[in-house]
N, C-alpha and C. Protein backbone atom coordinates (compact mmCIF):
# COMPACT_ATOMS: atom_id res chain seq x y z
N ASN A 1 -48.11 119.71 281.74
CA ASN A 1 -49.15 120.34 282.53
C ASN A 1 -48.56 121.13 283.70
N GLY A 2 -47.26 121.17 283.83
CA GLY A 2 -46.62 121.93 284.89
C GLY A 2 -46.65 121.27 286.26
N GLU A 3 -47.16 120.04 286.31
CA GLU A 3 -47.24 119.34 287.60
C GLU A 3 -45.85 118.90 288.04
N PHE A 4 -45.56 119.12 289.31
CA PHE A 4 -44.27 118.75 289.87
C PHE A 4 -44.32 117.30 290.31
N LYS A 5 -43.42 116.48 289.81
CA LYS A 5 -43.35 115.08 290.21
C LYS A 5 -42.06 114.86 290.97
N MET A 6 -42.22 114.38 292.18
CA MET A 6 -41.07 114.16 293.04
C MET A 6 -40.77 112.66 293.08
N THR A 7 -39.54 112.30 292.72
CA THR A 7 -39.14 110.90 292.80
C THR A 7 -37.95 110.70 293.72
N SER A 8 -37.21 111.78 293.99
CA SER A 8 -36.05 111.66 294.87
C SER A 8 -35.92 112.89 295.76
N ILE A 9 -35.55 112.65 297.00
CA ILE A 9 -35.35 113.75 297.94
C ILE A 9 -34.06 113.54 298.71
N ILE A 10 -33.53 114.64 299.22
CA ILE A 10 -32.45 114.59 300.19
C ILE A 10 -32.98 115.23 301.46
N VAL A 11 -32.74 114.56 302.59
CA VAL A 11 -33.21 115.04 303.87
C VAL A 11 -31.99 115.50 304.67
N ILE A 12 -31.90 116.82 304.88
CA ILE A 12 -30.79 117.39 305.64
C ILE A 12 -31.12 117.18 307.12
N GLY A 13 -30.32 116.37 307.79
CA GLY A 13 -30.64 115.98 309.17
C GLY A 13 -31.46 114.70 309.18
N GLY A 14 -31.19 113.83 308.22
CA GLY A 14 -31.97 112.61 308.04
C GLY A 14 -31.84 111.57 309.13
N ALA A 15 -30.94 111.75 310.07
CA ALA A 15 -30.81 110.79 311.17
C ALA A 15 -31.38 111.34 312.47
N GLY A 16 -31.86 112.57 312.45
CA GLY A 16 -32.45 113.16 313.65
C GLY A 16 -33.84 112.61 313.90
N LYS A 17 -34.45 113.05 314.98
CA LYS A 17 -35.77 112.52 315.36
C LYS A 17 -36.81 112.74 314.25
N LEU A 18 -36.98 113.97 313.81
CA LEU A 18 -37.95 114.26 312.75
C LEU A 18 -37.42 113.81 311.39
N GLY A 19 -36.15 114.01 311.15
CA GLY A 19 -35.55 113.62 309.88
C GLY A 19 -35.72 112.13 309.60
N ARG A 20 -35.52 111.31 310.62
CA ARG A 20 -35.68 109.86 310.48
C ARG A 20 -37.12 109.51 310.10
N ALA A 21 -38.08 110.16 310.73
CA ALA A 21 -39.49 109.91 310.42
C ALA A 21 -39.80 110.30 308.97
N ILE A 22 -39.23 111.41 308.52
CA ILE A 22 -39.44 111.85 307.13
C ILE A 22 -38.82 110.85 306.16
N VAL A 23 -37.61 110.40 306.46
CA VAL A 23 -36.93 109.42 305.61
C VAL A 23 -37.78 108.15 305.51
N MET A 24 -38.24 107.65 306.63
CA MET A 24 -39.01 106.41 306.64
C MET A 24 -40.30 106.55 305.83
N GLU A 25 -40.99 107.66 305.97
CA GLU A 25 -42.24 107.86 305.22
C GLU A 25 -41.95 108.02 303.73
N ALA A 26 -40.89 108.72 303.40
CA ALA A 26 -40.55 108.89 301.98
C ALA A 26 -40.24 107.55 301.33
N VAL A 27 -39.52 106.70 302.04
CA VAL A 27 -39.23 105.36 301.52
C VAL A 27 -40.54 104.58 301.35
N ARG A 28 -41.42 104.68 302.34
CA ARG A 28 -42.71 103.99 302.27
C ARG A 28 -43.52 104.46 301.05
N GLN A 29 -43.36 105.74 300.71
CA GLN A 29 -44.06 106.32 299.55
C GLN A 29 -43.38 105.98 298.22
N GLY A 30 -42.25 105.30 298.28
CA GLY A 30 -41.57 104.87 297.05
C GLY A 30 -40.56 105.85 296.49
N LEU A 31 -40.18 106.85 297.27
CA LEU A 31 -39.19 107.82 296.81
C LEU A 31 -37.77 107.28 297.00
N ALA A 32 -36.87 107.73 296.16
CA ALA A 32 -35.44 107.50 296.37
C ALA A 32 -34.99 108.55 297.38
N VAL A 33 -34.33 108.12 298.46
CA VAL A 33 -34.02 109.02 299.56
C VAL A 33 -32.53 109.02 299.87
N THR A 34 -32.00 110.22 300.05
CA THR A 34 -30.66 110.42 300.56
C THR A 34 -30.79 111.08 301.92
N ALA A 35 -30.11 110.52 302.92
CA ALA A 35 -30.08 111.12 304.25
C ALA A 35 -28.73 111.80 304.43
N HIS A 36 -28.74 113.10 304.57
CA HIS A 36 -27.53 113.90 304.80
C HIS A 36 -27.39 114.01 306.32
N VAL A 37 -26.35 113.40 306.88
CA VAL A 37 -26.23 113.27 308.33
C VAL A 37 -24.85 113.69 308.82
N ARG A 38 -24.81 114.25 310.02
CA ARG A 38 -23.50 114.60 310.61
C ARG A 38 -22.78 113.36 311.10
N THR A 39 -23.54 112.41 311.65
CA THR A 39 -22.96 111.22 312.25
C THR A 39 -23.57 109.98 311.61
N PRO A 40 -22.87 109.34 310.68
CA PRO A 40 -23.44 108.18 309.98
C PRO A 40 -23.91 107.06 310.93
N ALA A 41 -23.26 106.89 312.07
CA ALA A 41 -23.68 105.84 313.00
C ALA A 41 -25.11 106.06 313.48
N LYS A 42 -25.56 107.33 313.53
CA LYS A 42 -26.94 107.61 313.93
C LYS A 42 -27.95 107.18 312.88
N ALA A 43 -27.48 106.93 311.66
CA ALA A 43 -28.38 106.52 310.58
C ALA A 43 -28.62 105.01 310.58
N GLU A 44 -28.01 104.30 311.53
CA GLU A 44 -28.23 102.86 311.61
C GLU A 44 -29.72 102.58 311.78
N GLY A 45 -30.17 101.56 311.11
CA GLY A 45 -31.58 101.20 311.19
C GLY A 45 -32.43 101.79 310.08
N LEU A 46 -31.87 102.73 309.32
CA LEU A 46 -32.61 103.25 308.17
C LEU A 46 -32.61 102.15 307.10
N PRO A 47 -33.62 102.12 306.25
CA PRO A 47 -33.67 101.08 305.21
C PRO A 47 -32.41 101.08 304.34
N ASP A 48 -32.06 99.90 303.84
CA ASP A 48 -30.87 99.74 303.00
C ASP A 48 -30.94 100.59 301.73
N SER A 49 -32.16 100.91 301.29
CA SER A 49 -32.31 101.69 300.06
C SER A 49 -31.92 103.15 300.24
N VAL A 50 -31.80 103.61 301.48
CA VAL A 50 -31.46 105.00 301.75
C VAL A 50 -29.96 105.22 301.57
N LYS A 51 -29.62 106.19 300.76
CA LYS A 51 -28.22 106.57 300.59
C LYS A 51 -27.83 107.49 301.74
N ILE A 52 -26.78 107.15 302.44
CA ILE A 52 -26.30 107.95 303.57
C ILE A 52 -25.12 108.79 303.09
N VAL A 53 -25.21 110.10 303.31
CA VAL A 53 -24.13 111.01 302.95
C VAL A 53 -23.74 111.77 304.21
N GLU A 54 -22.48 111.66 304.59
CA GLU A 54 -22.01 112.38 305.77
C GLU A 54 -21.74 113.83 305.41
N GLY A 55 -22.20 114.73 306.27
CA GLY A 55 -21.97 116.14 306.05
C GLY A 55 -22.66 116.96 307.11
N ASN A 56 -22.45 118.25 307.05
CA ASN A 56 -23.02 119.16 308.02
C ASN A 56 -23.74 120.27 307.27
N GLY A 57 -24.99 120.50 307.62
CA GLY A 57 -25.78 121.53 306.96
C GLY A 57 -25.21 122.93 307.14
N LEU A 58 -24.35 123.11 308.13
CA LEU A 58 -23.71 124.41 308.34
C LEU A 58 -22.52 124.61 307.41
N ASP A 59 -22.14 123.56 306.71
CA ASP A 59 -21.01 123.60 305.78
C ASP A 59 -21.57 123.70 304.36
N ALA A 60 -21.50 124.88 303.77
CA ALA A 60 -22.07 125.11 302.44
C ALA A 60 -21.49 124.16 301.40
N ALA A 61 -20.21 123.86 301.49
CA ALA A 61 -19.58 122.96 300.51
C ALA A 61 -20.15 121.55 300.63
N SER A 62 -20.44 121.12 301.84
CA SER A 62 -21.03 119.80 302.05
C SER A 62 -22.38 119.70 301.36
N LEU A 63 -23.20 120.73 301.50
CA LEU A 63 -24.52 120.73 300.85
C LEU A 63 -24.39 120.87 299.34
N ALA A 64 -23.46 121.69 298.89
CA ALA A 64 -23.27 121.87 297.45
C ALA A 64 -22.88 120.56 296.77
N ALA A 65 -22.18 119.71 297.48
CA ALA A 65 -21.79 118.41 296.93
C ALA A 65 -22.93 117.40 296.98
N ALA A 66 -23.78 117.49 297.99
CA ALA A 66 -24.80 116.47 298.22
C ALA A 66 -26.15 116.74 297.55
N ILE A 67 -26.52 117.98 297.40
CA ILE A 67 -27.89 118.34 296.97
C ILE A 67 -28.19 118.07 295.50
N PRO A 68 -27.31 118.37 294.56
CA PRO A 68 -27.67 118.19 293.15
C PRO A 68 -28.12 116.75 292.84
N GLY A 69 -29.09 116.66 291.92
CA GLY A 69 -29.57 115.36 291.51
C GLY A 69 -30.84 114.91 292.20
N HIS A 70 -31.35 115.71 293.11
CA HIS A 70 -32.60 115.37 293.80
C HIS A 70 -33.72 116.30 293.31
N ASP A 71 -34.94 115.85 293.47
CA ASP A 71 -36.08 116.68 293.08
C ASP A 71 -36.42 117.72 294.14
N ALA A 72 -36.17 117.38 295.40
CA ALA A 72 -36.51 118.29 296.50
C ALA A 72 -35.51 118.13 297.62
N VAL A 73 -35.37 119.21 298.39
CA VAL A 73 -34.53 119.22 299.58
C VAL A 73 -35.46 119.41 300.77
N VAL A 74 -35.45 118.45 301.69
CA VAL A 74 -36.27 118.52 302.89
C VAL A 74 -35.35 118.85 304.05
N ILE A 75 -35.72 119.89 304.82
CA ILE A 75 -34.81 120.39 305.86
C ILE A 75 -35.51 120.40 307.22
N PRO A 76 -35.46 119.27 307.93
CA PRO A 76 -35.95 119.28 309.31
C PRO A 76 -34.85 119.69 310.28
N ALA A 77 -33.60 119.78 309.80
CA ALA A 77 -32.46 120.08 310.66
C ALA A 77 -32.63 121.44 311.31
N GLY A 78 -32.26 121.50 312.53
CA GLY A 78 -32.33 122.74 313.30
C GLY A 78 -32.19 122.38 314.76
N GLY A 79 -32.33 123.34 315.60
CA GLY A 79 -32.18 123.02 317.01
C GLY A 79 -33.00 123.93 317.88
N ARG A 80 -33.28 123.45 319.06
CA ARG A 80 -34.00 124.26 320.05
C ARG A 80 -33.02 125.12 320.85
N VAL A 81 -31.81 124.62 320.96
CA VAL A 81 -30.79 125.35 321.71
C VAL A 81 -29.88 126.11 320.74
N ASP A 82 -29.34 125.38 319.76
CA ASP A 82 -28.50 125.99 318.74
C ASP A 82 -29.40 126.47 317.61
N THR A 83 -29.47 127.75 317.41
CA THR A 83 -30.35 128.31 316.39
C THR A 83 -29.62 128.33 315.05
N ILE A 84 -29.80 127.24 314.31
CA ILE A 84 -29.04 127.02 313.08
C ILE A 84 -29.93 126.82 311.85
N SER A 85 -31.24 126.86 312.03
CA SER A 85 -32.15 126.58 310.91
C SER A 85 -31.95 127.55 309.75
N ALA A 86 -31.88 128.84 310.05
CA ALA A 86 -31.74 129.84 308.98
C ALA A 86 -30.46 129.63 308.19
N GLU A 87 -29.36 129.36 308.89
CA GLU A 87 -28.09 129.18 308.19
C GLU A 87 -28.11 127.93 307.31
N ILE A 88 -28.70 126.85 307.80
CA ILE A 88 -28.79 125.63 307.00
C ILE A 88 -29.64 125.89 305.75
N VAL A 89 -30.77 126.57 305.92
CA VAL A 89 -31.63 126.86 304.78
C VAL A 89 -30.92 127.76 303.77
N ARG A 90 -30.22 128.78 304.24
CA ARG A 90 -29.48 129.65 303.31
C ARG A 90 -28.43 128.84 302.53
N ASN A 91 -27.74 127.93 303.23
CA ASN A 91 -26.75 127.09 302.55
C ASN A 91 -27.42 126.17 301.53
N ALA A 92 -28.58 125.62 301.86
CA ALA A 92 -29.29 124.73 300.93
C ALA A 92 -29.74 125.51 299.70
N ILE A 93 -30.29 126.70 299.92
CA ILE A 93 -30.73 127.53 298.80
C ILE A 93 -29.56 127.83 297.87
N ALA A 94 -28.42 128.17 298.43
CA ALA A 94 -27.23 128.48 297.63
C ALA A 94 -26.77 127.26 296.83
N ALA A 95 -26.95 126.07 297.38
CA ALA A 95 -26.57 124.84 296.67
C ALA A 95 -27.59 124.47 295.61
N MET A 96 -28.84 124.82 295.83
CA MET A 96 -29.91 124.46 294.89
C MET A 96 -29.85 125.28 293.60
N ARG A 97 -29.56 126.54 293.72
CA ARG A 97 -29.61 127.44 292.55
C ARG A 97 -28.75 126.96 291.38
N PRO A 98 -27.44 126.70 291.59
CA PRO A 98 -26.62 126.27 290.45
C PRO A 98 -27.04 124.91 289.90
N ALA A 99 -27.72 124.11 290.71
CA ALA A 99 -28.17 122.79 290.28
C ALA A 99 -29.53 122.86 289.57
N GLY A 100 -30.11 124.06 289.51
CA GLY A 100 -31.40 124.23 288.85
C GLY A 100 -32.57 123.65 289.63
N MET A 101 -32.39 123.47 290.91
CA MET A 101 -33.44 122.89 291.75
C MET A 101 -34.34 123.98 292.28
N ARG A 102 -35.64 123.66 292.45
CA ARG A 102 -36.61 124.69 292.83
C ARG A 102 -37.42 124.37 294.08
N ARG A 103 -37.26 123.19 294.70
CA ARG A 103 -38.21 122.77 295.72
C ARG A 103 -37.57 122.50 297.09
N PRO A 104 -37.42 123.55 297.93
CA PRO A 104 -37.02 123.31 299.32
C PRO A 104 -38.27 123.17 300.20
N ILE A 105 -38.19 122.25 301.14
CA ILE A 105 -39.27 122.03 302.11
C ILE A 105 -38.61 122.10 303.49
N ALA A 106 -39.02 123.06 304.31
CA ALA A 106 -38.35 123.26 305.61
C ALA A 106 -39.35 123.20 306.75
N VAL A 107 -38.85 122.77 307.89
CA VAL A 107 -39.67 122.69 309.10
C VAL A 107 -39.42 123.93 309.94
N SER A 108 -40.48 124.66 310.20
CA SER A 108 -40.43 125.85 311.03
C SER A 108 -41.03 125.50 312.40
N ALA A 109 -41.73 126.42 313.01
CA ALA A 109 -42.37 126.15 314.31
C ALA A 109 -43.63 126.99 314.42
N TYR A 110 -44.69 126.36 314.88
CA TYR A 110 -45.95 127.06 315.09
C TYR A 110 -45.73 128.21 316.08
N GLY A 111 -46.23 129.37 315.74
CA GLY A 111 -46.11 130.52 316.63
C GLY A 111 -44.85 131.34 316.42
N ALA A 112 -43.89 130.80 315.67
CA ALA A 112 -42.65 131.54 315.45
C ALA A 112 -42.87 132.71 314.50
N VAL A 113 -43.73 132.51 313.52
CA VAL A 113 -44.06 133.54 312.55
C VAL A 113 -45.54 133.85 312.75
N ASP A 114 -45.88 135.12 312.78
CA ASP A 114 -47.26 135.53 313.06
C ASP A 114 -47.75 134.97 314.40
N PRO A 115 -47.02 135.24 315.48
CA PRO A 115 -47.39 134.66 316.78
C PRO A 115 -48.72 135.20 317.29
N VAL A 116 -49.60 134.28 317.66
CA VAL A 116 -50.91 134.63 318.22
C VAL A 116 -51.21 133.72 319.40
N GLY A 117 -52.08 134.20 320.27
CA GLY A 117 -52.53 133.38 321.39
C GLY A 117 -51.42 133.01 322.36
N PHE A 118 -51.73 132.04 323.19
CA PHE A 118 -50.80 131.60 324.22
C PHE A 118 -49.52 131.05 323.62
N TYR A 119 -49.64 130.22 322.59
CA TYR A 119 -48.45 129.62 322.00
C TYR A 119 -47.55 130.68 321.37
N GLY A 120 -48.16 131.66 320.74
CA GLY A 120 -47.38 132.76 320.17
C GLY A 120 -46.66 133.55 321.25
N TRP A 121 -47.36 133.81 322.36
CA TRP A 121 -46.73 134.51 323.49
C TRP A 121 -45.56 133.69 324.02
N MET A 122 -45.78 132.38 324.15
CA MET A 122 -44.74 131.50 324.67
C MET A 122 -43.52 131.51 323.75
N MET A 123 -43.75 131.47 322.44
CA MET A 123 -42.63 131.48 321.50
C MET A 123 -41.84 132.79 321.61
N LYS A 124 -42.57 133.90 321.74
CA LYS A 124 -41.88 135.19 321.83
C LYS A 124 -41.11 135.35 323.13
N THR A 125 -41.70 134.92 324.23
CA THR A 125 -41.09 135.19 325.53
C THR A 125 -40.16 134.09 326.02
N MET A 126 -40.50 132.84 325.75
CA MET A 126 -39.70 131.74 326.28
C MET A 126 -38.77 131.11 325.25
N ALA A 127 -39.04 131.33 323.99
CA ALA A 127 -38.23 130.74 322.94
C ALA A 127 -37.88 131.80 321.90
N GLY A 128 -37.51 132.97 322.39
CA GLY A 128 -37.25 134.09 321.50
C GLY A 128 -36.17 133.82 320.47
N LYS A 129 -35.06 133.17 320.88
CA LYS A 129 -33.98 132.87 319.93
C LYS A 129 -34.45 131.89 318.86
N LEU A 130 -35.21 130.88 319.28
CA LEU A 130 -35.73 129.90 318.34
C LEU A 130 -36.69 130.57 317.36
N ALA A 131 -37.59 131.39 317.89
CA ALA A 131 -38.55 132.09 317.03
C ALA A 131 -37.82 132.99 316.03
N ALA A 132 -36.80 133.71 316.48
CA ALA A 132 -36.05 134.59 315.58
C ALA A 132 -35.35 133.78 314.49
N ASP A 133 -34.81 132.62 314.86
CA ASP A 133 -34.15 131.75 313.89
C ASP A 133 -35.14 131.26 312.84
N LYS A 134 -36.32 130.83 313.28
CA LYS A 134 -37.33 130.33 312.34
C LYS A 134 -37.86 131.47 311.47
N GLN A 135 -37.98 132.68 312.03
CA GLN A 135 -38.40 133.83 311.23
C GLN A 135 -37.37 134.13 310.14
N ALA A 136 -36.09 134.09 310.51
CA ALA A 136 -35.02 134.33 309.54
C ALA A 136 -35.00 133.23 308.47
N MET A 137 -35.27 132.00 308.89
CA MET A 137 -35.33 130.88 307.95
C MET A 137 -36.44 131.09 306.93
N GLU A 138 -37.64 131.44 307.41
CA GLU A 138 -38.76 131.65 306.50
C GLU A 138 -38.54 132.88 305.62
N ALA A 139 -37.87 133.89 306.13
CA ALA A 139 -37.56 135.07 305.32
C ALA A 139 -36.60 134.69 304.18
N ALA A 140 -35.63 133.83 304.49
CA ALA A 140 -34.69 133.38 303.45
C ALA A 140 -35.43 132.58 302.38
N LEU A 141 -36.36 131.73 302.80
CA LEU A 141 -37.15 130.96 301.84
C LEU A 141 -37.99 131.90 300.97
N ALA A 142 -38.66 132.85 301.60
CA ALA A 142 -39.53 133.78 300.87
C ALA A 142 -38.73 134.62 299.86
N ALA A 143 -37.51 134.99 300.23
CA ALA A 143 -36.68 135.81 299.35
C ALA A 143 -35.98 135.00 298.27
N SER A 144 -36.02 133.69 298.37
CA SER A 144 -35.26 132.83 297.47
C SER A 144 -35.79 132.78 296.05
N GLY A 145 -37.07 133.04 295.87
CA GLY A 145 -37.68 132.91 294.56
C GLY A 145 -37.95 131.46 294.17
N LEU A 146 -37.73 130.54 295.09
CA LEU A 146 -37.95 129.12 294.83
C LEU A 146 -39.39 128.73 295.20
N ASP A 147 -39.80 127.55 294.80
CA ASP A 147 -41.13 127.02 295.12
C ASP A 147 -41.03 126.28 296.45
N TRP A 148 -41.04 127.04 297.53
CA TRP A 148 -40.77 126.48 298.85
C TRP A 148 -42.05 126.17 299.62
N THR A 149 -41.87 125.28 300.59
CA THR A 149 -42.93 124.94 301.53
C THR A 149 -42.32 124.98 302.92
N GLY A 150 -43.04 125.55 303.85
CA GLY A 150 -42.61 125.55 305.25
C GLY A 150 -43.71 124.95 306.10
N GLY A 151 -43.35 124.00 306.90
CA GLY A 151 -44.30 123.39 307.83
C GLY A 151 -44.10 123.99 309.21
N ARG A 152 -45.18 124.23 309.94
CA ARG A 152 -45.10 124.83 311.27
C ARG A 152 -45.77 123.95 312.32
N PRO A 153 -45.15 122.82 312.66
CA PRO A 153 -45.76 121.95 313.67
C PRO A 153 -45.65 122.57 315.05
N PRO A 154 -46.65 122.30 315.91
CA PRO A 154 -46.57 122.81 317.29
C PRO A 154 -45.60 121.99 318.12
């Protein structure tokens, strides 16, 4: 029927604030979860069922080694100061293609794309680098030809 069934995910930045929450909820939902983390010590406290893989989303080879074998790639990794979201997403997309994977899920930011109202003004004027990074990230997803999802939390 063409329905996508997700049983396993890899979370790039799985030990970060948002990444940890995603990992915990995915485990609660019964998914097999891999947390791709820069610092394994930060992954302490994650459930024993979570596979911890050390790596850096900015390192394409690290992602190419870790991503295959999962149903989806979830990418909350990024920064407010270091604008790295677009590069991480481009690296993930490059790793997904040879593995035949189609489902990236990335976290963007409300107001970064199609900025409107006060929040949109704030993103453009006070967080211009962040907004540009998230715009580039979403452009990479849109151009990828994959079945992507982008979340834009405020």
